[in-house]
Amino acid sequence: GVNDGLELLREHVDADSRVFVMDWVNPFSFALDIPSPRGDALYWHAGRVFDEEHFPAAERVFEEVTLVMVPKRALQPASKSTLERVYGPELQSQFQRIDESRLWVLYGRRDAATSKPSSPQ
């Protein structure tokens, strides 16, 4: 799954990109040698480090995020579904779907979508 995601991201990422993953962990920032977004957690374990009542504000989490990866099948389904319930409104309002692979859907910031070319759907 990570290799599939890396192939997808490589077409869209640059040195200024900050990737957020709607799942338990984010392997992409490390693998692509780019900084993680400042508001991202080391891991998102639903029920242990966050839940629907206790979570960092979306503004803080997404402040630096330029790309969001959403897995079609999660490593930890409970974390993915909780992240989607908590941060789904932010994803839908601030980001748009720009590409996908067999295992991932990639979203880019709406305000940046006009400045960078996107792959055809």
N, C-alpha and C. Protein backbone atom coordinates (compact mmCIF):
# COMPACT_ATOMS: atom_id res chain seq x y z
N GLY A 1 0.78 -1.19 0.00
CA GLY A 1 0.00 0.00 0.00
C GLY A 1 0.83 1.27 0.00
N VAL A 2 1.97 1.26 0.73
CA VAL A 2 2.81 2.46 0.80
C VAL A 2 3.42 2.76 -0.57
N ASN A 3 3.91 1.75 -1.26
CA ASN A 3 4.51 1.98 -2.58
C ASN A 3 3.50 2.55 -3.57
N ASP A 4 2.28 2.03 -3.54
CA ASP A 4 1.21 2.56 -4.39
C ASP A 4 0.97 4.04 -4.08
N GLY A 5 0.94 4.39 -2.82
CA GLY A 5 0.76 5.77 -2.41
C GLY A 5 1.93 6.66 -2.80
N LEU A 6 3.14 6.14 -2.69
CA LEU A 6 4.32 6.91 -3.08
C LEU A 6 4.30 7.22 -4.57
N GLU A 7 3.94 6.25 -5.37
CA GLU A 7 3.85 6.49 -6.81
C GLU A 7 2.85 7.59 -7.12
N LEU A 8 1.72 7.55 -6.45
CA LEU A 8 0.69 8.57 -6.65
C LEU A 8 1.20 9.95 -6.22
N LEU A 9 1.79 10.03 -5.04
CA LEU A 9 2.24 11.31 -4.50
C LEU A 9 3.37 11.93 -5.29
N ARG A 10 4.28 11.13 -5.81
CA ARG A 10 5.47 11.67 -6.49
C ARG A 10 5.10 12.61 -7.63
N GLU A 11 3.96 12.40 -8.25
CA GLU A 11 3.52 13.26 -9.35
C GLU A 11 3.04 14.63 -8.87
N HIS A 12 2.78 14.77 -7.58
CA HIS A 12 2.14 15.98 -7.06
C HIS A 12 2.94 16.70 -5.98
N VAL A 13 3.97 16.07 -5.46
CA VAL A 13 4.67 16.60 -4.30
C VAL A 13 5.90 17.43 -4.73
N ASP A 14 6.19 18.46 -3.93
CA ASP A 14 7.43 19.22 -4.10
C ASP A 14 7.96 19.54 -2.70
N ALA A 15 9.02 20.30 -2.62
CA ALA A 15 9.66 20.59 -1.33
C ALA A 15 8.74 21.32 -0.36
N ASP A 16 7.75 22.04 -0.88
CA ASP A 16 6.83 22.79 -0.02
C ASP A 16 5.59 21.99 0.37
N SER A 17 5.46 20.78 -0.12
CA SER A 17 4.29 19.96 0.18
C SER A 17 4.32 19.47 1.62
N ARG A 18 3.11 19.37 2.20
CA ARG A 18 2.94 18.80 3.53
C ARG A 18 1.77 17.83 3.42
N VAL A 19 2.03 16.56 3.71
CA VAL A 19 1.07 15.49 3.49
C VAL A 19 0.43 15.06 4.81
N PHE A 20 -0.89 14.96 4.81
CA PHE A 20 -1.64 14.42 5.94
C PHE A 20 -2.32 13.14 5.46
N VAL A 21 -2.32 12.10 6.30
CA VAL A 21 -2.93 10.82 5.95
C VAL A 21 -4.12 10.57 6.87
N MET A 22 -5.27 10.26 6.28
CA MET A 22 -6.47 9.97 7.06
C MET A 22 -6.44 8.49 7.47
N ASP A 23 -5.44 8.14 8.26
CA ASP A 23 -5.30 6.78 8.78
C ASP A 23 -4.36 6.84 9.98
N TRP A 24 -4.02 5.70 10.48
CA TRP A 24 -3.27 5.54 11.71
C TRP A 24 -1.91 6.24 11.68
N VAL A 25 -1.12 6.07 10.62
CA VAL A 25 0.22 6.66 10.52
C VAL A 25 0.43 7.30 9.16
N ASN A 26 1.47 8.13 9.07
CA ASN A 26 1.84 8.80 7.83
C ASN A 26 3.26 8.40 7.44
N PRO A 27 3.41 7.41 6.56
CA PRO A 27 4.76 7.02 6.14
C PRO A 27 5.32 7.90 5.03
N PHE A 28 4.49 8.74 4.43
CA PHE A 28 4.88 9.44 3.21
C PHE A 28 5.84 10.59 3.42
N SER A 29 5.65 11.37 4.47
CA SER A 29 6.56 12.49 4.72
C SER A 29 7.99 11.98 4.87
N PHE A 30 8.17 10.94 5.66
CA PHE A 30 9.50 10.36 5.85
C PHE A 30 10.03 9.78 4.55
N ALA A 31 9.21 9.01 3.86
CA ALA A 31 9.65 8.35 2.63
C ALA A 31 10.01 9.35 1.52
N LEU A 32 9.33 10.49 1.51
CA LEU A 32 9.58 11.50 0.48
C LEU A 32 10.56 12.58 0.95
N ASP A 33 11.02 12.45 2.19
CA ASP A 33 11.99 13.38 2.77
C ASP A 33 11.47 14.82 2.76
N ILE A 34 10.22 14.97 3.19
CA ILE A 34 9.62 16.30 3.37
C ILE A 34 9.13 16.39 4.81
N PRO A 35 9.06 17.58 5.37
CA PRO A 35 8.58 17.71 6.75
C PRO A 35 7.11 17.30 6.88
N SER A 36 6.78 16.76 8.03
CA SER A 36 5.37 16.50 8.35
C SER A 36 4.70 17.83 8.65
N PRO A 37 3.39 17.92 8.42
CA PRO A 37 2.70 19.15 8.81
C PRO A 37 2.81 19.35 10.32
N ARG A 38 2.96 20.57 10.74
CA ARG A 38 3.19 20.89 12.15
C ARG A 38 2.08 20.36 13.07
N GLY A 39 0.83 20.33 12.66
CA GLY A 39 -0.25 19.88 13.52
C GLY A 39 -0.52 18.39 13.50
N ASP A 40 0.23 17.64 12.69
CA ASP A 40 0.02 16.20 12.56
C ASP A 40 0.50 15.48 13.81
N ALA A 41 -0.13 14.36 14.13
CA ALA A 41 0.29 13.53 15.26
C ALA A 41 1.25 12.46 14.76
N LEU A 42 2.06 11.94 15.66
CA LEU A 42 2.96 10.84 15.31
C LEU A 42 2.15 9.65 14.83
N TYR A 43 1.05 9.39 15.50
CA TYR A 43 0.09 8.39 15.05
C TYR A 43 -1.29 8.78 15.56
N TRP A 44 -2.32 8.34 14.85
CA TRP A 44 -3.71 8.65 15.18
C TRP A 44 -4.39 7.34 15.59
N HIS A 45 -4.31 7.01 16.85
CA HIS A 45 -4.93 5.79 17.35
C HIS A 45 -6.25 6.14 18.03
N ALA A 46 -7.33 5.87 17.33
CA ALA A 46 -8.66 6.21 17.86
C ALA A 46 -8.89 5.49 19.18
N GLY A 47 -9.41 6.24 20.14
CA GLY A 47 -9.69 5.69 21.45
C GLY A 47 -8.51 5.76 22.41
N ARG A 48 -7.31 6.01 21.88
CA ARG A 48 -6.13 6.13 22.73
C ARG A 48 -5.56 7.55 22.73
N VAL A 49 -5.35 8.12 21.55
CA VAL A 49 -4.77 9.46 21.48
C VAL A 49 -5.78 10.52 21.04
N PHE A 50 -6.91 10.09 20.52
CA PHE A 50 -7.97 11.01 20.15
C PHE A 50 -9.27 10.23 20.01
N ASP A 51 -10.38 10.96 20.08
CA ASP A 51 -11.69 10.38 19.79
C ASP A 51 -12.58 11.52 19.30
N GLU A 52 -13.85 11.26 19.12
CA GLU A 52 -14.74 12.27 18.55
C GLU A 52 -15.00 13.45 19.47
N GLU A 53 -14.64 13.32 20.73
CA GLU A 53 -14.82 14.42 21.68
C GLU A 53 -13.52 15.12 22.04
N HIS A 54 -12.39 14.45 21.82
CA HIS A 54 -11.08 14.99 22.20
C HIS A 54 -10.13 14.86 21.01
N PHE A 55 -9.86 15.98 20.35
CA PHE A 55 -9.00 15.98 19.18
C PHE A 55 -8.47 17.39 18.94
N PRO A 56 -7.32 17.52 18.30
CA PRO A 56 -6.82 18.87 17.99
C PRO A 56 -7.74 19.57 17.00
N ALA A 57 -7.81 20.88 17.10
CA ALA A 57 -8.66 21.67 16.20
C ALA A 57 -8.22 21.47 14.75
N ALA A 58 -9.20 21.40 13.86
CA ALA A 58 -8.92 21.21 12.44
C ALA A 58 -8.01 22.31 11.91
N GLU A 59 -8.20 23.54 12.36
CA GLU A 59 -7.38 24.65 11.89
C GLU A 59 -5.91 24.40 12.19
N ARG A 60 -5.63 23.82 13.35
CA ARG A 60 -4.24 23.52 13.75
C ARG A 60 -3.69 22.36 12.94
N VAL A 61 -4.47 21.30 12.81
CA VAL A 61 -4.01 20.10 12.11
C VAL A 61 -3.75 20.38 10.63
N PHE A 62 -4.64 21.14 10.00
CA PHE A 62 -4.56 21.34 8.55
C PHE A 62 -3.87 22.64 8.14
N GLU A 63 -3.38 23.41 9.10
CA GLU A 63 -2.79 24.71 8.78
C GLU A 63 -1.72 24.63 7.69
N GLU A 64 -0.82 23.67 7.76
CA GLU A 64 0.26 23.54 6.79
C GLU A 64 0.00 22.49 5.72
N VAL A 65 -1.07 21.73 5.84
CA VAL A 65 -1.32 20.61 4.94
C VAL A 65 -1.63 21.10 3.52
N THR A 66 -0.94 20.52 2.54
CA THR A 66 -1.20 20.84 1.14
C THR A 66 -1.83 19.65 0.40
N LEU A 67 -1.57 18.44 0.89
CA LEU A 67 -2.09 17.22 0.26
C LEU A 67 -2.62 16.28 1.34
N VAL A 68 -3.74 15.63 1.05
CA VAL A 68 -4.33 14.67 1.98
C VAL A 68 -4.48 13.33 1.26
N MET A 69 -3.94 12.30 1.88
CA MET A 69 -4.07 10.94 1.35
C MET A 69 -5.14 10.21 2.15
N VAL A 70 -6.12 9.64 1.45
CA VAL A 70 -7.18 8.87 2.09
C VAL A 70 -7.08 7.44 1.55
N PRO A 71 -6.83 6.48 2.44
CA PRO A 71 -6.72 5.10 1.98
C PRO A 71 -8.08 4.53 1.61
N LYS A 72 -8.09 3.70 0.59
CA LYS A 72 -9.33 3.02 0.24
C LYS A 72 -9.59 1.87 1.22
N ARG A 73 -8.51 1.32 1.79
CA ARG A 73 -8.60 0.34 2.87
C ARG A 73 -7.62 0.75 3.95
N ALA A 74 -8.10 0.98 5.14
CA ALA A 74 -7.29 1.53 6.22
C ALA A 74 -6.42 0.47 6.90
N LEU A 75 -5.27 0.93 7.41
CA LEU A 75 -4.45 0.08 8.28
C LEU A 75 -5.20 -0.16 9.59
N GLN A 76 -5.84 0.88 10.08
CA GLN A 76 -6.63 0.79 11.31
C GLN A 76 -7.99 1.43 11.04
N PRO A 77 -8.98 0.62 10.66
CA PRO A 77 -10.29 1.16 10.27
C PRO A 77 -10.92 2.10 11.29
N ALA A 78 -10.77 1.83 12.57
CA ALA A 78 -11.38 2.71 13.59
C ALA A 78 -10.76 4.10 13.54
N SER A 79 -9.46 4.18 13.34
CA SER A 79 -8.80 5.48 13.27
C SER A 79 -9.23 6.23 12.01
N LYS A 80 -9.28 5.53 10.87
CA LYS A 80 -9.70 6.17 9.63
C LYS A 80 -11.12 6.71 9.76
N SER A 81 -12.04 5.90 10.25
CA SER A 81 -13.43 6.35 10.33
C SER A 81 -13.59 7.50 11.33
N THR A 82 -12.84 7.48 12.43
CA THR A 82 -12.91 8.58 13.39
C THR A 82 -12.31 9.85 12.80
N LEU A 83 -11.17 9.73 12.11
CA LEU A 83 -10.57 10.88 11.44
C LEU A 83 -11.53 11.47 10.42
N GLU A 84 -12.22 10.62 9.68
CA GLU A 84 -13.18 11.11 8.68
C GLU A 84 -14.35 11.84 9.33
N ARG A 85 -14.84 11.33 10.47
CA ARG A 85 -15.94 12.01 11.16
C ARG A 85 -15.48 13.34 11.75
N VAL A 86 -14.29 13.35 12.33
CA VAL A 86 -13.78 14.56 13.00
C VAL A 86 -13.31 15.61 11.98
N TYR A 87 -12.56 15.17 10.98
CA TYR A 87 -11.92 16.11 10.05
C TYR A 87 -12.52 16.09 8.64
N GLY A 88 -13.53 15.29 8.40
CA GLY A 88 -14.18 15.24 7.10
C GLY A 88 -14.70 16.59 6.61
N PRO A 89 -15.35 17.37 7.48
CA PRO A 89 -15.82 18.69 7.03
C PRO A 89 -14.67 19.58 6.54
N GLU A 90 -13.54 19.56 7.22
CA GLU A 90 -12.37 20.34 6.80
C GLU A 90 -11.85 19.83 5.46
N LEU A 91 -11.79 18.52 5.32
CA LEU A 91 -11.34 17.93 4.05
C LEU A 91 -12.24 18.37 2.91
N GLN A 92 -13.54 18.30 3.11
CA GLN A 92 -14.49 18.64 2.05
C GLN A 92 -14.49 20.14 1.72
N SER A 93 -14.30 20.99 2.72
CA SER A 93 -14.37 22.43 2.45
C SER A 93 -13.06 23.01 1.93
N GLN A 94 -11.94 22.47 2.36
CA GLN A 94 -10.64 23.07 2.02
C GLN A 94 -9.87 22.32 0.92
N PHE A 95 -10.30 21.11 0.59
CA PHE A 95 -9.55 20.27 -0.34
C PHE A 95 -10.46 19.72 -1.42
N GLN A 96 -9.85 19.35 -2.54
CA GLN A 96 -10.62 18.68 -3.60
C GLN A 96 -9.82 17.48 -4.10
N ARG A 97 -10.56 16.50 -4.57
CA ARG A 97 -9.95 15.28 -5.09
C ARG A 97 -9.17 15.64 -6.35
N ILE A 98 -7.88 15.27 -6.40
CA ILE A 98 -7.07 15.61 -7.56
C ILE A 98 -6.51 14.38 -8.28
N ASP A 99 -6.50 13.22 -7.62
CA ASP A 99 -5.94 12.03 -8.27
C ASP A 99 -6.28 10.82 -7.40
N GLU A 100 -6.07 9.64 -7.95
CA GLU A 100 -6.22 8.43 -7.16
C GLU A 100 -5.43 7.30 -7.77
N SER A 101 -5.16 6.30 -6.96
CA SER A 101 -4.47 5.10 -7.39
C SER A 101 -5.35 3.91 -6.99
N ARG A 102 -4.82 2.75 -7.12
CA ARG A 102 -5.58 1.56 -6.76
C ARG A 102 -5.97 1.55 -5.28
N LEU A 103 -5.09 2.09 -4.41
CA LEU A 103 -5.31 2.00 -2.97
C LEU A 103 -5.54 3.33 -2.25
N TRP A 104 -5.37 4.46 -2.96
CA TRP A 104 -5.42 5.76 -2.31
C TRP A 104 -6.21 6.77 -3.13
N VAL A 105 -6.79 7.76 -2.42
CA VAL A 105 -7.39 8.93 -3.05
C VAL A 105 -6.60 10.13 -2.54
N LEU A 106 -6.18 10.99 -3.47
CA LEU A 106 -5.37 12.15 -3.13
C LEU A 106 -6.19 13.43 -3.28
N TYR A 107 -6.13 14.27 -2.24
CA TYR A 107 -6.81 15.56 -2.24
C TYR A 107 -5.76 16.66 -2.18
N GLY A 108 -6.01 17.76 -2.88
CA GLY A 108 -5.15 18.93 -2.83
C GLY A 108 -5.95 20.13 -2.36
N ARG A 109 -5.25 21.09 -1.79
CA ARG A 109 -5.91 22.31 -1.30
C ARG A 109 -6.63 23.03 -2.43
N ARG A 110 -7.85 23.44 -2.18
CA ARG A 110 -8.63 24.13 -3.20
C ARG A 110 -7.94 25.40 -3.68
N ASP A 111 -7.34 26.17 -2.79
CA ASP A 111 -6.69 27.42 -3.19
C ASP A 111 -5.41 27.19 -3.98
N ALA A 112 -4.84 25.99 -3.89
CA ALA A 112 -3.62 25.67 -4.63
C ALA A 112 -3.92 24.93 -5.93
N ALA A 113 -5.14 24.47 -6.08
CA ALA A 113 -5.48 23.64 -7.24
C ALA A 113 -5.33 24.39 -8.56
N THR A 114 -5.52 25.68 -8.53
CA THR A 114 -5.40 26.44 -9.78
C THR A 114 -3.95 26.77 -10.11
N SER A 115 -3.04 26.66 -9.14
CA SER A 115 -1.66 27.02 -9.40
C SER A 115 -0.79 25.85 -9.83
N LYS A 116 -1.25 24.62 -9.62
CA LYS A 116 -0.48 23.44 -10.01
C LYS A 116 -1.34 22.58 -10.93
N PRO A 117 -0.74 22.03 -11.96
CA PRO A 117 -1.51 21.15 -12.84
C PRO A 117 -1.86 19.86 -12.10
N SER A 118 -3.03 19.32 -12.38
CA SER A 118 -3.42 18.05 -11.77
C SER A 118 -3.55 17.01 -12.87
N SER A 119 -3.46 15.77 -12.44
CA SER A 119 -3.58 14.68 -13.41
C SER A 119 -5.01 14.53 -13.84
N PRO A 120 -5.24 14.14 -15.07
CA PRO A 120 -6.62 13.93 -15.52
C PRO A 120 -7.27 12.77 -14.78
N GLN A 121 -8.55 12.85 -14.60
CA GLN A 121 -9.27 11.78 -13.88
C GLN A 121 -9.62 10.65 -14.81
